[in-house]
Amino acid sequence: MGSLSIWHWLIIAVVFVMFFGAKRMPDAARSLGRSLRIFKSEVSQMHNESNASNSGASAQQPAPQLPAAQQPTQSATEPRTEPKSI
């Protein structure tokens, strides 16, 4: 009673094909595969990071910040003005 028999899986497959259609099945499978690969890589990355922090490895250094005088002041949406020569 607790496990699914072959007939249960067959009914689920038929409902799935009727719901998504035969043309969308390869795209759905491809998307599911990509999602599982991304999930697997994220889990392994989290596992590697937790092992590195537990073994006493140094944490990654944050990217250096520019001093306020060197940071760009114009945004990408503002028009650039050229200095006028006299």
Protein backbone atom coordinates (compact mmCIF):
# COMPACT_ATOMS: atom_id res chain seq x y z
CA MET A 1 0.00 0.00 0.00
CA GLY A 2 2.90 2.37 0.72
CA SER A 3 4.68 2.05 -2.62
CA LEU A 4 3.48 2.87 -6.10
CA SER A 5 2.92 -0.01 -8.50
CA ILE A 6 3.56 0.07 -12.24
CA TRP A 7 -0.11 0.94 -12.84
CA HIS A 8 0.14 4.00 -10.62
CA TRP A 9 3.22 5.22 -12.53
CA LEU A 10 1.47 4.57 -15.84
CA ILE A 11 -1.55 6.63 -14.82
CA ILE A 12 0.72 9.45 -13.62
CA ALA A 13 2.60 9.39 -16.94
CA VAL A 14 -0.63 9.51 -18.97
CA VAL A 15 -1.95 12.44 -16.93
CA PHE A 16 1.41 14.21 -17.32
CA VAL A 17 1.36 13.77 -21.12
CA MET A 18 -2.23 14.96 -21.32
CA PHE A 19 -1.46 17.96 -19.13
CA PHE A 20 1.70 19.14 -20.90
CA GLY A 21 1.28 17.63 -24.35
CA ALA A 22 3.76 15.59 -26.33
CA LYS A 23 5.45 18.64 -27.88
CA ARG A 24 6.40 20.19 -24.55
CA MET A 25 7.70 16.99 -22.97
CA PRO A 26 11.33 17.30 -24.24
CA ASP A 27 11.49 20.94 -23.11
CA ALA A 28 10.08 20.04 -19.70
CA ALA A 29 12.61 17.22 -19.29
CA ARG A 30 15.46 19.49 -20.39
CA SER A 31 14.40 22.19 -17.92
CA LEU A 32 14.12 19.64 -15.14
CA GLY A 33 17.60 18.35 -15.92
CA ARG A 34 19.07 21.87 -15.84
CA SER A 35 17.35 22.60 -12.54
CA LEU A 36 18.67 19.40 -10.98
CA ARG A 37 22.23 20.15 -12.20
CA ILE A 38 22.09 23.65 -10.73
CA PHE A 39 20.69 22.32 -7.46
CA LYS A 40 23.38 19.63 -7.28
CA SER A 41 26.20 22.13 -7.94
CA GLU A 42 24.83 24.53 -5.30
CA VAL A 43 24.59 21.75 -2.72
CA SER A 44 28.15 20.60 -3.44
CA GLN A 45 29.39 24.20 -3.26
CA MET A 46 27.69 24.67 0.12
CA HIS A 47 29.21 21.39 1.28
CA ASN A 48 32.69 22.48 0.16
CA GLU A 49 32.31 25.86 1.88
CA SER A 50 31.21 24.25 5.13
CA ASN A 51 34.18 21.85 4.99
CA ALA A 52 36.57 24.74 4.36
CA SER A 53 35.22 26.75 7.28
CA ASN A 54 35.29 23.73 9.60
CA SER A 55 38.89 22.86 8.74
CA GLY A 56 40.11 26.32 9.72
CA ALA A 57 40.79 27.59 6.21
CA SER A 58 40.81 31.34 5.86
CA ALA A 59 37.69 32.98 4.52
CA GLN A 60 37.75 34.74 1.18
CA GLN A 61 38.87 38.34 1.37
CA PRO A 62 36.21 40.87 0.31
CA ALA A 63 36.90 42.87 -2.83
CA PRO A 64 38.77 46.11 -2.08
CA GLN A 65 36.59 49.20 -2.07
CA LEU A 66 37.67 52.33 -3.91
CA PRO A 67 38.03 55.47 -1.84
CA ALA A 68 35.21 57.96 -2.27
CA ALA A 69 37.43 60.29 -4.35
CA GLN A 70 38.10 57.56 -6.95
CA GLN A 71 34.57 56.23 -7.33
CA PRO A 72 32.73 57.30 -10.49
CA THR A 73 30.22 60.06 -9.89
CA GLN A 74 28.12 59.91 -13.08
CA SER A 75 25.58 57.19 -13.50
CA ALA A 76 25.11 55.35 -16.76
CA THR A 77 21.82 57.13 -17.44
CA GLU A 78 23.13 60.69 -17.05
CA PRO A 79 24.41 62.34 -20.22
CA ARG A 80 28.11 63.03 -20.25
CA THR A 81 29.15 66.63 -20.64
CA GLU A 82 32.45 67.59 -22.16
CA PRO A 83 34.36 70.56 -20.77
CA LYS A 84 34.04 73.57 -23.05
CA SER A 85 37.25 74.88 -24.49
CA ILE A 86 37.59 78.61 -24.78
